[in-house]
PDB file of N, CA and C in Angstrom:
ATOM      1  N   UNK A   1     -16.848  85.076 210.064  1.00  0.00           N
ATOM      2  CA  UNK A   1     -16.176  84.203 209.050  1.00  0.00           C
ATOM      3  C   UNK A   1     -14.792  83.649 209.827  1.00  0.00           C
ATOM      4  N   UNK A   2     -14.693  82.285 209.651  1.00  0.00           N
ATOM      5  CA  UNK A   2     -13.393  81.700 210.263  1.00  0.00           C
ATOM      6  C   UNK A   2     -12.286  81.511 209.237  1.00  0.00           C
ATOM      7  N   UNK A   3     -11.006  81.789 209.430  1.00  0.00           N
ATOM      8  CA  UNK A   3     -10.006  81.837 208.310  1.00  0.00           C
ATOM      9  C   UNK A   3      -8.981  80.755 208.783  1.00  0.00           C
ATOM     10  N   UNK A   4      -8.428  79.976 207.684  1.00  0.00           N
ATOM     11  CA  UNK A   4      -7.387  79.172 208.105  1.00  0.00           C
ATOM     12  C   UNK A   4      -6.401  79.302 206.997  1.00  0.00           C
ATOM     13  N   UNK A   5      -5.248  79.663 207.591  1.00  0.00           N
ATOM     14  CA  UNK A   5      -4.095  80.004 206.383  1.00  0.00           C
ATOM     15  C   UNK A   5      -3.083  78.811 206.517  1.00  0.00           C
ATOM     16  N   UNK A   6      -2.532  78.559 205.368  1.00  0.00           N
ATOM     17  CA  UNK A   6      -1.609  77.415 205.190  1.00  0.00           C
ATOM     18  C   UNK A   6      -0.668  78.033 203.984  1.00  0.00           C
ATOM     19  N   UNK A   7       0.378  77.159 204.039  1.00  0.00           N
ATOM     20  CA  UNK A   7       1.225  77.293 202.758  1.00  0.00           C
ATOM     21  C   UNK A   7       2.619  77.862 203.213  1.00  0.00           C
ATOM     22  N   UNK A   8       2.977  78.238 204.355  1.00  0.00           N
ATOM     23  CA  UNK A   8       4.231  78.775 204.522  1.00  0.00           C
ATOM     24  C   UNK A   8       5.361  77.783 204.627  1.00  0.00           C
ATOM     25  N   UNK A   9       6.578  78.248 204.612  1.00  0.00           N
ATOM     26  CA  UNK A   9       7.720  77.155 204.806  1.00  0.00           C
ATOM     27  C   UNK A   9       8.977  77.976 204.572  1.00  0.00           C
ATOM     28  N   UNK A  10       9.893  77.163 204.330  1.00  0.00           N
ATOM     29  CA  UNK A  10      11.197  77.763 203.946  1.00  0.00           C
ATOM     30  C   UNK A  10      11.374  77.578 202.583  1.00  0.00           C
ATOM     31  N   UNK A  11      11.978  78.775 201.902  1.00  0.00           N
ATOM     32  CA  UNK A  11      12.100  78.758 200.589  1.00  0.00           C
ATOM     33  C   UNK A  11      13.620  79.594 200.454  1.00  0.00           C
ATOM     34  N   UNK A  12      14.242  79.272 199.350  1.00  0.00           N
ATOM     35  CA  UNK A  12      15.572  79.972 198.940  1.00  0.00           C
ATOM     36  C   UNK A  12      15.293  81.363 198.242  1.00  0.00           C
ATOM     37  N   UNK A  13      16.071  82.390 198.358  1.00  0.00           N
ATOM     38  CA  UNK A  13      15.853  83.492 197.726  1.00  0.00           C
ATOM     39  C   UNK A  13      15.568  83.413 196.170  1.00  0.00           C
ATOM     40  N   UNK A  14      14.583  83.999 195.745  1.00  0.00           N
ATOM     41  CA  UNK A  14      14.203  83.899 194.326  1.00  0.00           C
ATOM     42  C   UNK A  14      13.271  82.859 194.163  1.00  0.00           C
ATOM     43  N   UNK A  15      12.900  82.098 195.072  1.00  0.00           N
ATOM     44  CA  UNK A  15      11.909  81.129 194.916  1.00  0.00           C
ATOM     45  C   UNK A  15      10.514  81.658 195.127  1.00  0.00           C
ATOM     46  N   UNK A  16       9.334  80.765 194.958  1.00  0.00           N
ATOM     47  CA  UNK A  16       8.117  80.985 195.029  1.00  0.00           C
ATOM     48  C   UNK A  16       7.451  80.060 195.951  1.00  0.00           C
ATOM     49  N   UNK A  17       6.424  80.845 196.712  1.00  0.00           N
ATOM     50  CA  UNK A  17       5.353  80.095 197.508  1.00  0.00           C
ATOM     51  C   UNK A  17       4.010  80.462 197.289  1.00  0.00           C
ATOM     52  N   UNK A  18       3.059  79.751 197.458  1.00  0.00           N
ATOM     53  CA  UNK A  18       1.549  80.143 197.444  1.00  0.00           C
ATOM     54  C   UNK A  18       0.896  79.954 198.770  1.00  0.00           C
ATOM     55  N   UNK A  19       0.505  80.876 199.334  1.00  0.00           N
ATOM     56  CA  UNK A  19      -0.267  80.791 200.634  1.00  0.00           C
ATOM     57  C   UNK A  19      -1.812  80.654 200.188  1.00  0.00           C
ATOM     58  N   UNK A  20      -2.362  79.943 201.181  1.00  0.00           N
ATOM     59  CA  UNK A  20      -3.878  79.831 200.901  1.00  0.00           C
ATOM     60  C   UNK A  20      -4.551  80.183 202.237  1.00  0.00           C
ATOM     61  N   UNK A  21      -5.744  80.628 202.113  1.00  0.00           N
ATOM     62  CA  UNK A  21      -6.706  80.949 203.356  1.00  0.00           C
ATOM     63  C   UNK A  21      -7.879  80.583 202.982  1.00  0.00           C
ATOM     64  N   UNK A  22      -8.407  79.328 203.597  1.00  0.00           N
ATOM     65  CA  UNK A  22      -9.658  78.858 203.558  1.00  0.00           C
ATOM     66  C   UNK A  22     -10.610  79.591 204.479  1.00  0.00           C
ATOM     67  N   UNK A  23     -11.807  79.787 203.776  1.00  0.00           N
ATOM     68  CA  UNK A  23     -12.830  80.609 204.631  1.00  0.00           C
ATOM     69  C   UNK A  23     -13.882  79.463 205.055  1.00  0.00           C
ATOM     70  N   UNK A  24     -14.728  79.609 206.242  1.00  0.00           N
ATOM     71  CA  UNK A  24     -15.821  78.979 206.563  1.00  0.00           C
ATOM     72  C   UNK A  24     -16.621  79.957 207.369  1.00  0.00           C
ATOM     73  N   UNK A  25     -18.000  79.511 207.406  1.00  0.00           N
ATOM     74  CA  UNK A  25     -18.841  80.394 208.173  1.00  0.00           C
ATOM     75  C   UNK A  25     -19.165  81.683 207.446  1.00  0.00           C
ATOM     76  N   UNK A  26     -18.895  81.972 206.266  1.00  0.00           N
ATOM     77  CA  UNK A  26     -19.128  83.163 205.661  1.00  0.00           C
ATOM     78  C   UNK A  26     -18.614  83.053 203.995  1.00  0.00           C
ATOM     79  N   UNK A  27     -18.972  84.080 203.215  1.00  0.00           N
ATOM     80  CA  UNK A  27     -18.547  83.796 201.856  1.00  0.00           C
ATOM     81  C   UNK A  27     -17.574  85.094 201.740  1.00  0.00           C
ATOM     82  N   UNK A  28     -16.406  84.867 201.398  1.00  0.00           N
ATOM     83  CA  UNK A  28     -15.381  85.731 200.998  1.00  0.00           C
ATOM     84  C   UNK A  28     -15.789  86.819 200.186  1.00  0.00           C
ATOM     85  N   UNK A  29     -16.468  86.754 199.264  1.00  0.00           N
ATOM     86  CA  UNK A  29     -17.048  87.493 198.237  1.00  0.00           C
ATOM     87  C   UNK A  29     -17.758  88.730 198.897  1.00  0.00           C
ATOM     88  N   UNK A  30     -18.259  88.511 200.047  1.00  0.00           N
ATOM     89  CA  UNK A  30     -18.828  89.685 200.780  1.00  0.00           C
ATOM     90  C   UNK A  30     -18.046  90.218 201.681  1.00  0.00           C
ATOM     91  N   UNK A  31     -16.572  90.176 201.657  1.00  0.00           N
ATOM     92  CA  UNK A  31     -15.788  90.812 202.558  1.00  0.00           C
ATOM     93  C   UNK A  31     -14.629  91.466 201.720  1.00  0.00           C
ATOM     94  N   UNK A  32     -14.187  92.536 202.446  1.00  0.00           N
ATOM     95  CA  UNK A  32     -12.857  93.217 202.028  1.00  0.00           C
ATOM     96  C   UNK A  32     -11.763  92.042 202.663  1.00  0.00           C
ATOM     97  N   UNK A  33     -10.782  91.552 201.698  1.00  0.00           N
ATOM     98  CA  UNK A  33      -9.958  90.691 202.114  1.00  0.00           C
ATOM     99  C   UNK A  33      -8.458  91.114 202.086  1.00  0.00           C
ATOM    100  N   UNK A  34      -7.557  90.485 202.627  1.00  0.00           N
ATOM    101  CA  UNK A  34      -6.222  90.997 202.387  1.00  0.00           C
ATOM    102  C   UNK A  34      -5.172  89.962 203.044  1.00  0.00           C
ATOM    103  N   UNK A  35      -4.021  90.047 202.716  1.00  0.00           N
ATOM    104  CA  UNK A  35      -2.974  89.553 203.472  1.00  0.00           C
ATOM    105  C   UNK A  35      -1.889  90.607 204.049  1.00  0.00           C
ATOM    106  N   UNK A  36      -1.465  90.313 205.368  1.00  0.00           N
ATOM    107  CA  UNK A  36      -0.701  91.158 206.199  1.00  0.00           C
ATOM    108  C   UNK A  36       0.522  90.254 206.565  1.00  0.00           C
ATOM    109  N   UNK A  37       1.511  90.901 207.107  1.00  0.00           N
ATOM    110  CA  UNK A  37       2.761  90.334 207.504  1.00  0.00           C
ATOM    111  C   UNK A  37       3.441  90.915 208.700  1.00  0.00           C
ATOM    112  N   UNK A  38       3.961  90.276 209.462  1.00  0.00           N
ATOM    113  CA  UNK A  38       4.780  90.846 210.749  1.00  0.00           C
ATOM    114  C   UNK A  38       5.952  90.118 210.924  1.00  0.00           C
ATOM    115  N   UNK A  39       6.954  91.075 210.878  1.00  0.00           N
ATOM    116  CA  UNK A  39       8.369  90.697 211.152  1.00  0.00           C
ATOM    117  C   UNK A  39       8.525  90.883 212.597  1.00  0.00           C
ATOM    118  N   UNK A  40       9.295  89.919 213.244  1.00  0.00           N
ATOM    119  CA  UNK A  40       9.440  90.111 214.788  1.00  0.00           C
ATOM    120  C   UNK A  40      10.064  91.565 215.162  1.00  0.00           C
ATOM    121  N   UNK A  41       9.451  92.124 216.115  1.00  0.00           N
ATOM    122  CA  UNK A  41       9.868  93.418 216.464  1.00  0.00           C
ATOM    123  C   UNK A  41       9.443  94.469 215.700  1.00  0.00           C
ATOM    124  N   UNK A  42       8.666  94.346 214.684  1.00  0.00           N
ATOM    125  CA  UNK A  42       8.078  95.268 213.979  1.00  0.00           C
ATOM    126  C   UNK A  42       6.461  95.201 213.878  1.00  0.00           C
ATOM    127  N   UNK A  43       5.767  96.387 213.372  1.00  0.00           N
ATOM    128  CA  UNK A  43       4.447  96.309 213.434  1.00  0.00           C
ATOM    129  C   UNK A  43       3.850  95.423 212.229  1.00  0.00           C
ATOM    130  N   UNK A  44       2.600  94.900 212.505  1.00  0.00           N
ATOM    131  CA  UNK A  44       1.976  94.171 211.345  1.00  0.00           C
ATOM    132  C   UNK A  44       1.817  95.156 210.283  1.00  0.00           C
ATOM    133  N   UNK A  45       2.134  94.723 209.070  1.00  0.00           N
ATOM    134  CA  UNK A  45       1.931  95.617 207.857  1.00  0.00           C
ATOM    135  C   UNK A  45       1.025  94.934 206.912  1.00  0.00           C
ATOM    136  N   UNK A  46       0.318  95.758 206.004  1.00  0.00           N
ATOM    137  CA  UNK A  46      -0.544  95.390 205.090  1.00  0.00           C
ATOM    138  C   UNK A  46       0.412  94.970 203.852  1.00  0.00           C
ATOM    139  N   UNK A  47       0.090  93.846 203.171  1.00  0.00           N
ATOM    140  CA  UNK A  47       0.928  93.370 201.938  1.00  0.00           C
ATOM    141  C   UNK A  47      -0.013  93.638 200.742  1.00  0.00           C
ATOM    142  N   UNK A  48      -1.163  93.187 200.679  1.00  0.00           N
ATOM    143  CA  UNK A  48      -1.968  93.292 199.392  1.00  0.00           C
ATOM    144  C   UNK A  48      -3.469  93.037 199.906  1.00  0.00           C
ATOM    145  N   UNK A  49      -4.310  93.706 199.202  1.00  0.00           N
ATOM    146  CA  UNK A  49      -5.978  93.405 199.610  1.00  0.00           C
ATOM    147  C   UNK A  49      -6.832  93.455 198.270  1.00  0.00           C
ATOM    148  N   UNK A  50      -7.886  92.828 198.563  1.00  0.00           N
ATOM    149  CA  UNK A  50      -8.840  93.104 197.559  1.00  0.00           C
ATOM    150  C   UNK A  50     -10.063  93.965 198.052  1.00  0.00           C
ATOM    151  N   UNK A  51     -10.588  95.034 197.656  1.00  0.00           N
ATOM    152  CA  UNK A  51     -11.622  95.676 198.077  1.00  0.00           C
ATOM    153  C   UNK A  51     -13.136  95.062 198.017  1.00  0.00           C
ATOM    154  N   UNK A  52     -13.871  95.268 198.901  1.00  0.00           N
ATOM    155  CA  UNK A  52     -15.285  94.746 198.909  1.00  0.00           C
ATOM    156  C   UNK A  52     -16.103  94.970 197.646  1.00  0.00           C
ATOM    157  N   UNK A  53     -16.096  96.262 197.343  1.00  0.00           N
ATOM    158  CA  UNK A  53     -17.117  96.784 196.495  1.00  0.00           C
ATOM    159  C   UNK A  53     -16.806  96.431 195.046  1.00  0.00           C
ATOM    160  N   UNK A  54     -15.593  96.756 194.682  1.00  0.00           N
ATOM    161  CA  UNK A  54     -15.409  96.693 193.181  1.00  0.00           C
ATOM    162  C   UNK A  54     -14.219  95.781 192.828  1.00  0.00           C
ATOM    163  N   UNK A  55     -13.735  95.087 193.991  1.00  0.00           N
ATOM    164  CA  UNK A  55     -12.614  93.858 193.759  1.00  0.00           C
ATOM    165  C   UNK A  55     -11.378  94.552 193.248  1.00  0.00           C
ATOM    166  N   UNK A  56     -11.200  96.007 193.482  1.00  0.00           N
ATOM    167  CA  UNK A  56      -9.917  96.527 193.156  1.00  0.00           C
ATOM    168  C   UNK A  56      -8.747  96.083 194.057  1.00  0.00           C
ATOM    169  N   UNK A  57      -7.574  96.187 193.825  1.00  0.00           N
ATOM    170  CA  UNK A  57      -6.434  95.573 194.447  1.00  0.00           C
ATOM    171  C   UNK A  57      -5.301  96.731 194.891  1.00  0.00           C
ATOM    172  N   UNK A  58      -5.052  96.355 196.146  1.00  0.00           N
ATOM    173  CA  UNK A  58      -3.998  97.296 196.515  1.00  0.00           C
ATOM    174  C   UNK A  58      -2.597  96.391 196.762  1.00  0.00           C
ATOM    175  N   UNK A  59      -1.555  96.778 196.381  1.00  0.00           N
ATOM    176  CA  UNK A  59      -0.219  95.926 196.580  1.00  0.00           C
ATOM    177  C   UNK A  59       0.703  97.221 197.238  1.00  0.00           C
ATOM    178  N   UNK A  60       1.237  96.614 198.364  1.00  0.00           N
ATOM    179  CA  UNK A  60       2.400  97.485 198.849  1.00  0.00           C
ATOM    180  C   UNK A  60       3.666  97.681 197.969  1.00  0.00           C
ATOM    181  N   UNK A  61       4.259  98.573 197.939  1.00  0.00           N
ATOM    182  CA  UNK A  61       5.441  98.886 196.889  1.00  0.00           C
ATOM    183  C   UNK A  61       6.535  97.867 197.035  1.00  0.00           C
ATOM    184  N   UNK A  62       6.802  97.326 198.399  1.00  0.00           N
ATOM    185  CA  UNK A  62       7.841  96.344 198.523  1.00  0.00           C
ATOM    186  C   UNK A  62       7.607  95.101 197.792  1.00  0.00           C
ATOM    187  N   UNK A  63       6.475  94.744 197.476  1.00  0.00           N
ATOM    188  CA  UNK A  63       6.153  93.484 196.840  1.00  0.00           C
ATOM    189  C   UNK A  63       5.517  93.588 195.462  1.00  0.00           C
ATOM    190  N   UNK A  64       5.381  94.877 194.996  1.00  0.00           N
ATOM    191  CA  UNK A  64       4.666  95.087 193.736  1.00  0.00           C
ATOM    192  C   UNK A  64       5.463  94.390 192.640  1.00  0.00           C
ATOM    193  N   UNK A  65       4.719  93.570 191.644  1.00  0.00           N
ATOM    194  CA  UNK A  65       5.498  92.975 190.776  1.00  0.00           C
ATOM    195  C   UNK A  65       5.881  91.563 191.008  1.00  0.00           C
ATOM    196  N   UNK A  66       5.698  91.213 192.257  1.00  0.00           N
ATOM    197  CA  UNK A  66       6.263  89.812 192.770  1.00  0.00           C
ATOM    198  C   UNK A  66       5.167  89.069 193.329  1.00  0.00           C
ATOM    199  N   UNK A  67       4.206  89.616 194.096  1.00  0.00           N
ATOM    200  CA  UNK A  67       3.208  89.124 194.779  1.00  0.00           C
ATOM    201  C   UNK A  67       1.784  89.235 194.161  1.00  0.00           C
ATOM    202  N   UNK A  68       0.996  88.419 193.978  1.00  0.00           N
ATOM    203  CA  UNK A  68      -0.154  88.377 193.445  1.00  0.00           C
ATOM    204  C   UNK A  68      -1.351  87.825 194.533  1.00  0.00           C
ATOM    205  N   UNK A  69      -2.299  88.615 194.772  1.00  0.00           N
ATOM    206  CA  UNK A  69      -3.491  88.230 195.661  1.00  0.00           C
ATOM    207  C   UNK A  69      -4.548  87.757 194.536  1.00  0.00           C
ATOM    208  N   UNK A  70      -5.418  86.791 194.995  1.00  0.00           N
ATOM    209  CA  UNK A  70      -6.505  86.332 194.181  1.00  0.00           C
ATOM    210  C   UNK A  70      -7.418  85.558 195.054  1.00  0.00           C
ATOM    211  N   UNK A  71      -8.633  85.471 194.634  1.00  0.00           N
ATOM    212  CA  UNK A  71      -9.592  84.883 195.352  1.00  0.00           C
ATOM    213  C   UNK A  71     -10.405  83.819 194.530  1.00  0.00           C
ATOM    214  N   UNK A  72     -10.726  82.657 194.956  1.00  0.00           N
ATOM    215  CA  UNK A  72     -11.563  81.621 194.224  1.00  0.00           C
ATOM    216  C   UNK A  72     -12.827  81.661 194.927  1.00  0.00           C
ATOM    217  N   UNK A  73     -13.843  82.168 194.429  1.00  0.00           N
ATOM    218  CA  UNK A  73     -15.170  82.208 195.083  1.00  0.00           C
ATOM    219  C   UNK A  73     -15.758  80.855 195.227  1.00  0.00           C
ATOM    220  N   UNK A  74     -15.646  79.941 194.173  1.00  0.00           N
ATOM    221  CA  UNK A  74     -16.025  78.630 194.320  1.00  0.00           C
ATOM    222  C   UNK A  74     -15.476  77.890 195.482  1.00  0.00           C
ATOM    223  N   UNK A  75     -14.138  78.144 195.784  1.00  0.00           N
ATOM    224  CA  UNK A  75     -13.676  77.313 196.878  1.00  0.00           C
ATOM    225  C   UNK A  75     -13.639  78.131 198.236  1.00  0.00           C
ATOM    226  N   UNK A  76     -14.147  79.520 198.084  1.00  0.00           N
ATOM    227  CA  UNK A  76     -14.109  80.323 199.113  1.00  0.00           C
ATOM    228  C   UNK A  76     -12.753  80.543 199.915  1.00  0.00           C
ATOM    229  N   UNK A  77     -11.795  80.784 198.997  1.00  0.00           N
ATOM    230  CA  UNK A  77     -10.407  80.638 199.384  1.00  0.00           C
ATOM    231  C   UNK A  77      -9.699  81.815 198.905  1.00  0.00           C
ATOM    232  N   UNK A  78      -8.804  82.409 199.774  1.00  0.00           N
ATOM    233  CA  UNK A  78      -7.978  83.584 199.295  1.00  0.00           C
ATOM    234  C   UNK A  78      -6.594  82.984 199.185  1.00  0.00           C
ATOM    235  N   UNK A  79      -5.837  83.694 198.113  1.00  0.00           N
ATOM    236  CA  UNK A  79      -4.344  83.135 197.705  1.00  0.00           C
ATOM    237  C   UNK A  79      -3.543  84.240 197.832  1.00  0.00           C
ATOM    238  N   UNK A  80      -2.281  83.966 198.020  1.00  0.00           N
ATOM    239  CA  UNK A  80      -1.241  84.907 197.955  1.00  0.00           C
ATOM    240  C   UNK A  80      -0.078  84.022 197.184  1.00  0.00           C
ATOM    241  N   UNK A  81       0.015  84.553 195.801  1.00  0.00           N
ATOM    242  CA  UNK A  81       1.241  83.967 195.179  1.00  0.00           C
ATOM    243  C   UNK A  81       2.565  84.847 195.435  1.00  0.00           C
ATOM    244  N   UNK A  82       3.344  84.283 195.872  1.00  0.00           N
ATOM    245  CA  UNK A  82       4.722  85.049 196.120  1.00  0.00           C
ATOM    246  C   UNK A  82       5.935  84.333 195.233  1.00  0.00           C
ATOM    247  N   UNK A  83       6.465  85.457 194.422  1.00  0.00           N
ATOM    248  CA  UNK A  83       7.402  85.032 193.444  1.00  0.00           C
ATOM    249  C   UNK A  83       8.671  85.988 193.841  1.00  0.00           C
ATOM    250  N   UNK A  84       9.787  85.497 193.207  1.00  0.00           N
ATOM    251  CA  UNK A  84      11.078  86.283 193.415  1.00  0.00           C
ATOM    252  C   UNK A  84      11.344  86.706 194.874  1.00  0.00           C
ATOM    253  N   UNK A  85      10.959  85.726 195.836  1.00  0.00           N
ATOM    254  CA  UNK A  85      11.167  85.959 197.120  1.00  0.00           C
ATOM    255  C   UNK A  85      12.550  86.457 197.632  1.00  0.00           C
ATOM    256  N   UNK A  86      12.415  87.441 198.627  1.00  0.00           N
ATOM    257  CA  UNK A  86      13.821  87.869 199.131  1.00  0.00           C
ATOM    258  C   UNK A  86      13.963  87.621 200.654  1.00  0.00           C
ATOM    259  N   UNK A  87      14.985  87.676 201.245  1.00  0.00           N
ATOM    260  CA  UNK A  87      15.044  87.453 202.610  1.00  0.00           C
ATOM    261  C   UNK A  87      14.372  88.239 203.548  1.00  0.00           C
ATOM    262  N   UNK A  88      14.201  89.554 202.890  1.00  0.00           N
ATOM    263  CA  UNK A  88      13.205  90.607 203.802  1.00  0.00           C
ATOM    264  C   UNK A  88      11.865  90.302 203.698  1.00  0.00           C
ATOM    265  N   UNK A  89      11.449  89.288 202.917  1.00  0.00           N
ATOM    266  CA  UNK A  89      10.043  88.939 202.838  1.00  0.00           C
ATOM    267  C   UNK A  89       9.715  87.778 204.100  1.00  0.00           C
ATOM    268  N   UNK A  90      10.811  87.598 204.809  1.00  0.00           N
ATOM    269  CA  UNK A  90      10.721  86.764 205.882  1.00  0.00           C
ATOM    270  C   UNK A  90       9.613  87.326 206.893  1.00  0.00           C
ATOM    271  N   UNK A  91       8.789  86.593 207.161  1.00  0.00           N
ATOM    272  CA  UNK A  91       7.692  87.095 208.379  1.00  0.00           C
ATOM    273  C   UNK A  91       6.680  85.920 208.415  1.00  0.00           C
ATOM    274  N   UNK A  92       5.770  86.215 209.440  1.00  0.00           N
ATOM    275  CA  UNK A  92       4.606  85.470 209.741  1.00  0.00           C
ATOM    276  C   UNK A  92       3.529  86.297 208.751  1.00  0.00           C
ATOM    277  N   UNK A  93       2.900  85.548 207.930  1.00  0.00           N
ATOM    278  CA  UNK A  93       1.825  86.095 207.114  1.00  0.00           C
ATOM    279  C   UNK A  93       0.479  85.669 207.680  1.00  0.00           C
ATOM    280  N   UNK A  94      -0.449  86.554 207.625  1.00  0.00           N
ATOM    281  CA  UNK A  94      -1.808  86.425 208.049  1.00  0.00           C
ATOM    282  C   UNK A  94      -2.922  86.921 206.883  1.00  0.00           C
ATOM    283  N   UNK A  95      -3.959  86.236 206.848  1.00  0.00           N
ATOM    284  CA  UNK A  95      -5.025  86.546 206.028  1.00  0.00           C
ATOM    285  C   UNK A  95      -6.126  87.154 206.858  1.00  0.00           C
ATOM    286  N   UNK A  96      -7.100  88.123 206.395  1.00  0.00           N
ATOM    287  CA  UNK A  96      -7.974  88.779 207.145  1.00  0.00           C
ATOM    288  C   UNK A  96      -9.130  89.066 206.085  1.00  0.00           C
ATOM    289  N   UNK A  97     -10.118  89.255 206.904  1.00  0.00           N
ATOM    290  CA  UNK A  97     -11.459  89.574 206.065  1.00  0.00           C
ATOM    291  C   UNK A  97     -12.290  90.435 207.014  1.00  0.00           C
ATOM    292  N   UNK A  98     -13.006  91.372 206.604  1.00  0.00           N
ATOM    293  CA  UNK A  98     -13.884  92.244 207.290  1.00  0.00           C
ATOM    294  C   UNK A  98     -15.099  92.822 206.369  1.00  0.00           C
ATOM    295  N   UNK A  99     -16.213  92.695 206.676  1.00  0.00           N
ATOM    296  CA  UNK A  99     -17.398  93.145 205.745  1.00  0.00           C
ATOM    297  C   UNK A  99     -17.757  94.496 206.206  1.00  0.00           C
ATOM    298  N   UNK A 100     -17.156  95.081 207.251  1.00  0.00           N
ATOM    299  CA  UNK A 100     -17.627  96.358 207.679  1.00  0.00           C
ATOM    300  C   UNK A 100     -16.930  97.477 206.937  1.00  0.00           C
ATOM    301  N   UNK A 101     -15.719  97.164 206.389  1.00  0.00           N
ATOM    302  CA  UNK A 101     -14.819  98.337 205.768  1.00  0.00           C
ATOM    303  C   UNK A 101     -14.796  97.970 204.122  1.00  0.00           C
ATOM    304  N   UNK A 102     -14.779  99.018 203.348  1.00  0.00           N
ATOM    305  CA  UNK A 102     -14.628  98.856 201.914  1.00  0.00           C
ATOM    306  C   UNK A 102     -13.219  98.204 201.598  1.00  0.00           C
ATOM    307  N   UNK A 103     -12.144  98.496 202.363  1.00  0.00           N
ATOM    308  CA  UNK A 103     -10.796  97.986 202.051  1.00  0.00           C
ATOM    309  C   UNK A 103     -10.293  97.970 203.430  1.00  0.00           C
ATOM    310  N   UNK A 104      -9.442  96.893 203.716  1.00  0.00           N
ATOM    311  CA  UNK A 104      -8.783  96.718 205.053  1.00  0.00           C
ATOM    312  C   UNK A 104      -7.259  96.902 205.019  1.00  0.00           C
ATOM    313  N   UNK A 105      -6.609  97.587 203.673  1.00  0.00           N
ATOM    314  CA  UNK A 105      -5.273  97.865 203.703  1.00  0.00           C
ATOM    315  C   UNK A 105      -5.166  99.175 204.292  1.00  0.00           C
ATOM    316  N   UNK A 106      -6.310  99.826 204.525  1.00  0.00           N
ATOM    317  CA  UNK A 106      -5.877 101.269 205.053  1.00  0.00           C
ATOM    318  C   UNK A 106      -5.262 101.122 206.543  1.00  0.00           C
ATOM    319  N   UNK A 107      -4.418 101.774 206.812  1.00  0.00           N
ATOM    320  CA  UNK A 107      -3.821 102.081 208.110  1.00  0.00           C
ATOM    321  C   UNK A 107      -4.806 102.422 209.301  1.00  0.00           C
ATOM    322  N   UNK A 108      -5.729 102.972 209.021  1.00  0.00           N
ATOM    323  CA  UNK A 108      -6.604 103.356 210.025  1.00  0.00           C
ATOM    324  C   UNK A 108      -7.813 102.308 210.591  1.00  0.00           C
ATOM    325  N   UNK A 109      -7.838 101.255 209.451  1.00  0.00           N
ATOM    326  CA  UNK A 109      -8.647 100.153 209.826  1.00  0.00           C
ATOM    327  C   UNK A 109      -8.073  98.988 210.615  1.00  0.00           C
ATOM    328  N   UNK A 110      -6.747  99.015 210.497  1.00  0.00           N
ATOM    329  CA  UNK A 110      -5.938  97.750 210.665  1.00  0.00           C
ATOM    330  C   UNK A 110      -6.182  97.337 212.237  1.00  0.00           C
ATOM    331  N   UNK A 111      -6.420  97.999 213.089  1.00  0.00           N
ATOM    332  CA  UNK A 111      -6.585  97.559 214.447  1.00  0.00           C
ATOM    333  C   UNK A 111      -7.986  97.215 214.622  1.00  0.00           C
ATOM    334  N   UNK A 112      -8.876  97.443 213.606  1.00  0.00           N
ATOM    335  CA  UNK A 112     -10.267  97.103 213.913  1.00  0.00           C
ATOM    336  C   UNK A 112     -10.855  95.999 212.999  1.00  0.00           C
ATOM    337  N   UNK A 113      -9.916  95.304 212.334  1.00  0.00           N
ATOM    338  CA  UNK A 113     -10.253  94.076 211.597  1.00  0.00           C
ATOM    339  C   UNK A 113     -10.593  92.911 212.398  1.00  0.00           C
ATOM    340  N   UNK A 114     -11.708  92.436 212.280  1.00  0.00           N
ATOM    341  CA  UNK A 114     -12.373  91.478 213.138  1.00  0.00           C
ATOM    342  C   UNK A 114     -12.003  89.888 212.743  1.00  0.00           C
ATOM    343  N   UNK A 115     -11.740  89.631 211.671  1.00  0.00           N
ATOM    344  CA  UNK A 115     -11.299  88.265 211.313  1.00  0.00           C
ATOM    345  C   UNK A 115      -9.952  87.988 210.763  1.00  0.00           C
ATOM    346  N   UNK A 116      -9.234  87.304 211.374  1.00  0.00           N
ATOM    347  CA  UNK A 116      -7.882  86.963 211.071  1.00  0.00           C
ATOM    348  C   UNK A 116      -7.601  85.454 211.000  1.00  0.00           C
ATOM    349  N   UNK A 117      -6.773  85.099 210.075  1.00  0.00           N
ATOM    350  CA  UNK A 117      -6.174  83.750 210.145  1.00  0.00           C
ATOM    351  C   UNK A 117      -5.153  83.554 211.101  1.00  0.00           C
ATOM    352  N   UNK A 118      -4.703  82.457 211.339  1.00  0.00           N
ATOM    353  CA  UNK A 118      -3.727  82.050 212.589  1.00  0.00           C
ATOM    354  C   UNK A 118      -2.341  82.526 212.151  1.00  0.00           C
ATOM    355  N   UNK A 119      -2.178  82.726 210.948  1.00  0.00           N
ATOM    356  CA  UNK A 119      -0.732  83.153 210.501  1.00  0.00           C
ATOM    357  C   UNK A 119       0.166  81.953 210.166  1.00  0.00           C
ATOM    358  N   UNK A 120       0.982  82.098 209.164  1.00  0.00           N
ATOM    359  CA  UNK A 120       1.870  81.118 208.571  1.00  0.00           C
ATOM    360  C   UNK A 120       3.213  81.687 208.296  1.00  0.00           C
ATOM    361  N   UNK A 121       4.292  81.038 208.919  1.00  0.00           N
ATOM    362  CA  UNK A 121       5.488  81.532 208.661  1.00  0.00           C
ATOM    363  C   UNK A 121       6.095  81.381 207.324  1.00  0.00           C
ATOM    364  N   UNK A 122       6.631  82.413 206.925  1.00  0.00           N
ATOM    365  CA  UNK A 122       7.379  82.170 205.596  1.00  0.00           C
ATOM    366  C   UNK A 122       8.985  82.549 205.904  1.00  0.00           C
ATOM    367  N   UNK A 123       9.863  81.743 205.642  1.00  0.00           N
ATOM    368  CA  UNK A 123      11.232  82.005 205.915  1.00  0.00           C
ATOM    369  C   UNK A 123      12.042  81.928 204.548  1.00  0.00           C
ATOM    370  N   UNK A 124      12.603  83.035 204.262  1.00  0.00           N
ATOM    371  CA  UNK A 124      13.407  83.048 202.909  1.00  0.00           C
ATOM    372  C   UNK A 124      14.933  83.132 203.257  1.00  0.00           C
ATOM    373  N   UNK A 125      15.614  82.075 202.816  1.00  0.00           N
ATOM    374  CA  UNK A 125      17.006  82.064 203.382  1.00  0.00           C
ATOM    375  C   UNK A 125      17.680  80.813 202.396  1.00  0.00           C
ATOM    376  N   UNK A 126      18.882  81.232 202.236  1.00  0.00           N
ATOM    377  CA  UNK A 126      19.939  80.267 201.617  1.00  0.00           C
ATOM    378  C   UNK A 126      20.516  79.216 202.577  1.00  0.00           C
TER     379      UNK A 126
END
């Protein structure tokens, strides 16, 4: 599956953005999917994921209550709604999908995920 992420930009603290990840060449419903981010100089980290088997969602504590992951099967698109953004949310955000794992937010699988979007930069600054 090929993934195309979009929606990043510059936003003030407290603002909102919605990232999109359009998929082609595969059906996202058949994959574990998620959003990850990388701050310069730091490791890529999992932000939020949807498990393949039961659709359960994982959300990292740092964004819990502010970020919402969702999937539109009709559009074959993954979304990340980001609210109450903070400067520390500044990062390049990546969407990812993999059919071989039940969930891709596990640290052990991060280096083995096969399908990544190209990344979209989110900058939170006044």
